[in-house]
C-alpha atoms as a PDB file:
ATOM      1  CA  MET A   1      22.188 145.665  16.350  1.00  0.00           C
ATOM      2  CA  ALA A   2      23.948 147.553  19.122  1.00  0.00           C
ATOM      3  CA  ALA A   3      26.100 144.507  19.848  1.00  0.00           C
ATOM      4  CA  ILE A   4      27.232 144.350  16.217  1.00  0.00           C
ATOM      5  CA  VAL A   5      28.143 148.048  16.199  1.00  0.00           C
ATOM      6  CA  ALA A   6      30.023 147.668  19.496  1.00  0.00           C
ATOM      7  CA  ALA A   7      31.901 144.644  18.135  1.00  0.00           C
ATOM      8  CA  LEU A   8      32.839 146.541  14.950  1.00  0.00           C
ATOM      9  CA  LEU A   9      34.064 149.529  16.978  1.00  0.00           C
ATOM     10  CA  ALA A  10      36.138 147.291  19.243  1.00  0.00           C
ATOM     11  CA  PHE A  11      37.562 145.485  16.202  1.00  0.00           C
ATOM     12  CA  ALA A  12      38.424 148.825  14.545  1.00  0.00           C
ATOM     13  CA  LEU A  13      40.057 150.027  17.761  1.00  0.00           C
ATOM     14  CA  PHE A  14      42.566 147.174  17.603  1.00  0.00           C
ATOM     15  CA  LEU A  15      42.871 146.783  13.843  1.00  0.00           C
ATOM     16  CA  GLY A  16      43.116 150.507  12.983  1.00  0.00           C
ATOM     17  CA  PRO A  17      46.571 151.189  14.478  1.00  0.00           C
ATOM     18  CA  PHE A  18      47.885 147.955  12.963  1.00  0.00           C
ATOM     19  CA  VAL A  19      46.738 148.923   9.456  1.00  0.00           C
ATOM     20  CA  TRP A  20      48.058 152.468   9.909  1.00  0.00           C
ATOM     21  CA  ARG A  21      51.480 151.118  10.917  1.00  0.00           C
ATOM     22  CA  LEU A  22      51.524 148.842   7.853  1.00  0.00           C
ATOM     23  CA  VAL A  23      50.848 151.807   5.590  1.00  0.00           C
ATOM     24  CA  ILE A  24      53.634 153.874   7.189  1.00  0.00           C
ATOM     25  CA  ASP A  25      56.075 150.942   7.019  1.00  0.00           C
ATOM     26  CA  ARG A  26      55.365 150.392   3.305  1.00  0.00           C
ATOM     27  CA  ARG A  27      55.932 154.063   2.535  1.00  0.00           C
ATOM     28  CA  THR A  28      59.185 154.047   4.512  1.00  0.00           C
ATOM     29  CA  GLU A  29      60.316 150.897   2.720  1.00  0.00           C
ATOM     30  CA  ARG A  30      59.559 152.458  -0.674  1.00  0.00           C
ATOM     31  CA  ALA A  31      61.515 155.584   0.321  1.00  0.00           C
ATOM     32  CA  SER A  32      64.469 153.367   1.326  1.00  0.00           C
ATOM     33  CA  LYS A  33      64.392 151.642  -2.068  1.00  0.00           C
ATOM     34  CA  ILE A  34      64.297 154.999  -3.844  1.00  0.00           C
ATOM     35  CA  ALA A  35      67.229 156.215  -1.725  1.00  0.00           C
ATOM     36  CA  ALA A  36      69.260 153.127  -2.626  1.00  0.00           C
ATOM     37  CA  GLU A  37      68.553 153.625  -6.328  1.00  0.00           C
ATOM     38  CA  ILE A  38      69.490 157.321  -6.152  1.00  0.00           C
ATOM     39  CA  ARG A  39      72.714 156.544  -4.254  1.00  0.00           C
ATOM     40  CA  ALA A  40      73.620 153.942  -6.884  1.00  0.00           C
ATOM     41  CA  THR A  41      72.989 156.522  -9.614  1.00  0.00           C
ATOM     42  CA  VAL A  42      75.217 159.055  -7.836  1.00  0.00           C
ATOM     43  CA  ARG A  43      77.992 156.464  -7.443  1.00  0.00           C
ATOM     44  CA  HIS A  44      77.691 155.466 -11.086  1.00  0.00           C
ATOM     45  CA  GLU A  45      77.767 159.056 -12.371  1.00  0.00           C
ATOM     46  CA  LEU A  46      80.745 160.032 -10.220  1.00  0.00           C
ATOM     47  CA  ARG A  47      82.494 156.670 -10.707  1.00  0.00           C
ATOM     48  CA  GLY A  48      82.794 155.933  -6.988  1.00  0.00           C
ATOM     49  CA  GLU A  49      81.897 157.188  -3.534  1.00  0.00           C
ATOM     50  CA  SER A  50      81.482 160.916  -3.143  1.00  0.00           C
ATOM     51  CA  MET A  51      80.614 163.690  -0.711  1.00  0.00           C
ATOM     52  CA  VAL A  52      77.031 163.904  -2.010  1.00  0.00           C
ATOM     53  CA  SER A  53      74.453 163.060   0.625  1.00  0.00           C
ATOM     54  CA  VAL A  54      71.088 161.544  -0.382  1.00  0.00           C
ATOM     55  CA  GLN A  55      68.062 161.596   1.900  1.00  0.00           C
ATOM     56  CA  VAL A  56      64.556 160.499   0.941  1.00  0.00           C
ATOM     57  CA  ARG A  57      61.482 161.468   2.924  1.00  0.00           C
ATOM     58  CA  PRO A  58      58.440 159.267   2.313  1.00  0.00           C
ATOM     59  CA  LYS A  59      55.295 160.502   0.644  1.00  0.00           C
ATOM     60  CA  ARG A  60      52.380 161.454   2.927  1.00  0.00           C
ATOM     61  CA  HIS A  61      48.700 162.023   2.254  1.00  0.00           C
ATOM     62  CA  TRP A  62      49.087 165.777   2.557  1.00  0.00           C
ATOM     63  CA  ARG A  63      52.535 166.280   0.997  1.00  0.00           C
ATOM     64  CA  ARG A  64      54.767 164.903  -1.706  1.00  0.00           C
ATOM     65  CA  GLY A  65      57.800 162.760  -1.025  1.00  0.00           C
ATOM     66  CA  ARG A  66      61.152 164.500  -1.128  1.00  0.00           C
ATOM     67  CA  VAL A  67      64.594 163.537  -2.432  1.00  0.00           C
ATOM     68  CA  LEU A  68      67.260 165.768  -0.850  1.00  0.00           C
ATOM     69  CA  LEU A  69      70.725 166.081  -2.383  1.00  0.00           C
ATOM     70  CA  SER A  70      73.362 167.971  -0.432  1.00  0.00           C
ATOM     71  CA  ALA A  71      77.133 168.391  -0.462  1.00  0.00           C
ATOM     72  CA  PRO A  72      79.627 170.165   1.808  1.00  0.00           C
ATOM     73  CA  SER A  73      80.844 173.624   0.974  1.00  0.00           C
ATOM     74  CA  GLY A  74      83.308 173.455  -1.901  1.00  0.00           C
ATOM     75  CA  TYR A  75      81.825 170.274  -3.401  1.00  0.00           C
ATOM     76  CA  GLU A  76      78.742 171.787  -5.033  1.00  0.00           C
ATOM     77  CA  GLU A  77      80.070 170.901  -8.494  1.00  0.00           C
ATOM     78  CA  LEU A  78      79.448 167.227  -7.658  1.00  0.00           C
ATOM     79  CA  ILE A  79      75.738 167.923  -7.369  1.00  0.00           C
ATOM     80  CA  GLU A  80      75.846 169.793 -10.679  1.00  0.00           C
ATOM     81  CA  LYS A  81      77.303 166.682 -12.307  1.00  0.00           C
ATOM     82  CA  VAL A  82      74.753 164.203 -10.948  1.00  0.00           C
ATOM     83  CA  TRP A  83      71.440 166.037 -10.710  1.00  0.00           C
ATOM     84  CA  PRO A  84      70.343 165.447 -14.352  1.00  0.00           C
ATOM     85  CA  ALA A  85      70.731 161.665 -13.905  1.00  0.00           C
ATOM     86  CA  VAL A  86      69.099 161.786 -10.474  1.00  0.00           C
ATOM     87  CA  ALA A  87      66.162 163.821 -11.811  1.00  0.00           C
ATOM     88  CA  LYS A  88      65.393 161.008 -14.263  1.00  0.00           C
ATOM     89  CA  ARG A  89      65.237 158.503 -11.373  1.00  0.00           C
ATOM     90  CA  VAL A  90      62.943 160.510  -9.084  1.00  0.00           C
ATOM     91  CA  PRO A  91      59.514 158.821  -9.220  1.00  0.00           C
ATOM     92  CA  ALA A  92      56.181 160.585  -9.663  1.00  0.00           C
ATOM     93  CA  GLY A  93      54.896 162.045  -6.414  1.00  0.00           C
ATOM     94  CA  TYR A  94      58.402 162.977  -5.242  1.00  0.00           C
ATOM     95  CA  GLU A  95      60.240 166.264  -5.610  1.00  0.00           C
ATOM     96  CA  LEU A  96      63.983 166.785  -5.996  1.00  0.00           C
ATOM     97  CA  VAL A  97      65.557 169.346  -3.644  1.00  0.00           C
ATOM     98  CA  VAL A  98      69.202 170.357  -4.033  1.00  0.00           C
ATOM     99  CA  ARG A  99      70.739 172.055  -1.025  1.00  0.00           C
ATOM    100  CA  PRO A 100      74.347 172.664   0.014  1.00  0.00           C
ATOM    101  CA  ALA A 101      75.211 171.203   3.426  1.00  0.00           C
ATOM    102  CA  TRP A 102      76.286 174.555   4.847  1.00  0.00           C
ATOM    103  CA  SER A 103      72.695 175.806   4.654  1.00  0.00           C
ATOM    104  CA  HIS A 104      71.635 173.134   7.196  1.00  0.00           C
ATOM    105  CA  ALA A 105      74.169 174.379   9.740  1.00  0.00           C
ATOM    106  CA  ARG A 106      73.260 177.981   9.048  1.00  0.00           C
ATOM    107  CA  GLU A 107      69.543 177.298   9.575  1.00  0.00           C
ATOM    108  CA  ALA A 108      70.329 175.481  12.836  1.00  0.00           C
ATOM    109  CA  ARG A 109      72.281 178.492  14.099  1.00  0.00           C
ATOM    110  CA  ILE A 110      69.510 180.899  13.135  1.00  0.00           C
ATOM    111  CA  GLU A 111      66.739 178.822  14.746  1.00  0.00           C
ATOM    112  CA  ALA A 112      68.592 178.173  18.015  1.00  0.00           C
ATOM    113  CA  PRO A 113      67.432 180.555  20.757  1.00  0.00           C
ATOM    114  CA  PRO A 114      70.149 182.494  22.587  1.00  0.00           C
ATOM    115  CA  LEU A 115      71.261 180.975  25.863  1.00  0.00           C
ATOM    116  CA  SER A 116      70.757 182.935  29.046  1.00  0.00           C
ATOM    117  CA  ARG A 117      73.764 183.599  31.251  1.00  0.00           C
ATOM    118  CA  ALA A 118      74.062 182.272  34.763  1.00  0.00           C
ATOM    119  CA  ALA A 119      74.551 184.937  37.387  1.00  0.00           C
END
């Protein structure tokens, strides 16, 4: 009996990381497909390429997936034009977040610790 348990533990030790990686890869692949569909929707709604950025974060066990739409300062009206069509394409289990690009740079400046001066 102990030999069977030891064999199962050894098998799980090698198979566990492989299965975990497969799960993560499938979620990442699904997020990539969602991102492609959202980008196509944005292009269709705006009739061409635009300054709207689309990022999709995959769904996890403990949090929902996230579709991020952002645009540079001065181009926020592009997001206003496309978000109703994008909201229809966001699948269940994902949330739509609209954020102007300037807020990313502002957050980075706020979070960066001040540099010490050399004497």
